[in-house]
C-alpha atoms as a PDB file:
ATOM      1  CA  MET A   1     -23.156  15.372 -11.637  1.00  0.00           C
ATOM      2  CA  ALA A   2     -25.230  14.167 -14.554  1.00  0.00           C
ATOM      3  CA  ILE A   3     -26.726  11.395 -12.422  1.00  0.00           C
ATOM      4  CA  ALA A   4     -27.608  13.831  -9.659  1.00  0.00           C
ATOM      5  CA  GLY A   5     -29.079  16.236 -12.200  1.00  0.00           C
ATOM      6  CA  ALA A   6     -31.247  13.512 -13.690  1.00  0.00           C
ATOM      7  CA  ALA A   7     -32.409  12.461 -10.227  1.00  0.00           C
ATOM      8  CA  VAL A   8     -33.338  16.014  -9.255  1.00  0.00           C
ATOM      9  CA  ALA A   9     -35.031  16.676 -12.593  1.00  0.00           C
ATOM     10  CA  ALA A  10     -37.137  13.537 -12.101  1.00  0.00           C
ATOM     11  CA  THR A  11     -38.729  15.153  -9.048  1.00  0.00           C
ATOM     12  CA  ILE A  12     -39.983  18.229 -10.933  1.00  0.00           C
ATOM     13  CA  GLU A  13     -43.766  18.113 -11.193  1.00  0.00           C
ATOM     14  CA  SER A  14     -44.015  20.138 -14.422  1.00  0.00           C
ATOM     15  CA  ILE A  15     -42.308  17.411 -16.481  1.00  0.00           C
ATOM     16  CA  PRO A  16     -44.699  14.821 -18.021  1.00  0.00           C
ATOM     17  CA  ASP A  17     -44.874  11.420 -16.337  1.00  0.00           C
ATOM     18  CA  TRP A  18     -43.006   9.645 -19.149  1.00  0.00           C
ATOM     19  CA  GLY A  19     -40.185  12.194 -18.845  1.00  0.00           C
ATOM     20  CA  ARG A  20     -39.938  11.763 -15.111  1.00  0.00           C
ATOM     21  CA  TRP A  21     -39.800   7.979 -15.452  1.00  0.00           C
ATOM     22  CA  THR A  22     -37.141   8.294 -18.142  1.00  0.00           C
ATOM     23  CA  LEU A  23     -35.002  10.598 -16.005  1.00  0.00           C
ATOM     24  CA  ALA A  24     -35.393   8.308 -13.004  1.00  0.00           C
ATOM     25  CA  GLY A  25     -34.337   5.326 -15.137  1.00  0.00           C
ATOM     26  CA  VAL A  26     -31.283   7.204 -16.394  1.00  0.00           C
ATOM     27  CA  ALA A  27     -30.315   8.052 -12.807  1.00  0.00           C
ATOM     28  CA  VAL A  28     -30.701   4.453 -11.626  1.00  0.00           C
ATOM     29  CA  LEU A  29     -28.766   3.121 -14.613  1.00  0.00           C
ATOM     30  CA  GLY A  30     -25.987   5.628 -13.992  1.00  0.00           C
ATOM     31  CA  ILE A  31     -25.715   4.590 -10.363  1.00  0.00           C
ATOM     32  CA  ALA A  32     -25.594   0.915 -11.374  1.00  0.00           C
ATOM     33  CA  VAL A  33     -22.824   1.621 -13.874  1.00  0.00           C
ATOM     34  CA  LEU A  34     -20.757   3.259 -11.149  1.00  0.00           C
ATOM     35  CA  ILE A  35     -21.458   0.694  -8.419  1.00  0.00           C
ATOM     36  CA  GLY A  36     -20.878  -2.435 -10.538  1.00  0.00           C
ATOM     37  CA  PRO A  37     -17.104  -2.164 -11.036  1.00  0.00           C
ATOM     38  CA  ALA A  38     -16.612  -0.915  -7.492  1.00  0.00           C
ATOM     39  CA  ALA A  39     -18.455  -3.935  -6.098  1.00  0.00           C
ATOM     40  CA  HIS A  40     -16.270  -6.317  -8.112  1.00  0.00           C
ATOM     41  CA  ARG A  41     -13.144  -4.578  -6.913  1.00  0.00           C
ATOM     42  CA  LEU A  42     -14.290  -4.648  -3.279  1.00  0.00           C
ATOM     43  CA  ALA A  43     -15.099  -8.354  -3.615  1.00  0.00           C
ATOM     44  CA  GLY A  44     -11.509  -8.996  -4.650  1.00  0.00           C
ATOM     45  CA  GLU A  45     -12.284 -10.113  -8.187  1.00  0.00           C
ATOM     46  CA  ARG A  46      -9.677  -9.441 -10.818  1.00  0.00           C
ATOM     47  CA  THR A  47     -10.767  -7.164 -13.599  1.00  0.00           C
ATOM     48  CA  ARG A  48      -8.827  -8.947 -16.339  1.00  0.00           C
ATOM     49  CA  SER A  49      -7.580 -12.471 -16.647  1.00  0.00           C
ATOM     50  CA  PRO A  50      -3.898 -13.066 -17.438  1.00  0.00           C
ATOM     51  CA  ARG A  51      -3.135 -12.889 -21.158  1.00  0.00           C
ATOM     52  CA  THR A  52      -0.635 -15.744 -21.382  1.00  0.00           C
ATOM     53  CA  SER A  53      -0.463 -19.187 -19.835  1.00  0.00           C
ATOM     54  CA  ALA A  54       2.861 -18.287 -18.209  1.00  0.00           C
ATOM     55  CA  ALA A  55       1.256 -15.384 -16.382  1.00  0.00           C
ATOM     56  CA  ARG A  56      -1.462 -17.647 -14.943  1.00  0.00           C
END
């Protein structure tokens, strides 16, 4: 919800330009943080390597 709120707030004309750019950057960064781990998981990559040599 915070990402959506930042994205909507970035479209408000009464906010100064620097504030709109900051809110848009926060929204994009938030989306990237959510998509990154999901993309790794969908690609089949393991999130953690085995801890011991026997587990490898």
